[in-house]
Amino acid sequence: MRTYMNALSLNDFSEIDLQFIAESYATKHKDITPIVQYIRQDPEALLQMIDDEKVLRALTNKENVVLLVSPFLFFLIIVRHAFIAYSREDEFQDRVNDYKESRGRLIWQEEQIEDLLNNISLHLYLANMLSFFSSSSKMNDPEKTQNGWIYITDLIQKLESASPSDGFYIQAFIGNYTLCLTSLYKEYVQNKYRYGKRLVGCEYYASFGEKFFKSASESKVAKESGLTEILEMLSMGYNIVRFALDELKHREKLFITSS
């Protein structure tokens, strides 16, 4: 079963995406057609090219003002390169464990943090999620016409009368929504909280995110969609992922469009 959370995989890139990867990687080849055909049939070779620094440089080259690649490929390359880099940094590891230690939680081992941040399933999930939320309109309740963020309490109230399928999507949406709020929109949330315009801060949203990723992972729909494992991973590693997305936003100048 396909959802917006697993809509695309390494087998679903467009012809333009594959051409961009091949051209960026094989810079000395005039005819990239054989390379495109090859990586279309070999996901492992495709991933090796995506991991190459030449592809990242081509994507982030300031001269490429307008890119024709899909949002999914864009976010996959950015997230994967950034997360793998963070997994090797002592500074990032310390940030994670300082946070967990300050709250009396189990400290993750370096190997566990590295395994999570290097996980291709996580990168694919986040690329799909960020593609979905790449317009700020998706951060608002589609059933409402007024401006403003979704209230978590409203979504929880909807769960009371939701079908099992709708309940899963609401639970997963809360996880995804709070993950974006506490990372990509962290400063907005914290400023609202700091100056008394909002009663809750990022930790409030993070607690709901962890909880509802876990609830969503236990759903029959998650099992049918092949999302059980990744949702469990996001529940357990929620704060690691949100810290990584926050770092990515600042270091890679990643911004969500306001269209």
Foldseek 3Di string as FASTA:
>chain_A
DDDLLQPDDLLDFDLLQLVLLQCQQCVVDPDSVVVSVVCNVPVVVSVVSLQDVSSVCVLQPPVCVDDPGALLSSQLSLQQNLLLVLLPDPVLLCVQQVVQVVVVHDRDDSVVSNCLSNDSSLSNSVSSLCSQPLAVVSQDDPVDDDDDGDDLVVLVVVLVPDDLVVNLVSLQCLLSSLLCCCAQVQVVQVVCCVVVVDVDHSVVSLVSNLVSLQVSLPGPVCVVNVNNVVSPSCSVCVVSSRVSSNVSCVPVVDHRDHD
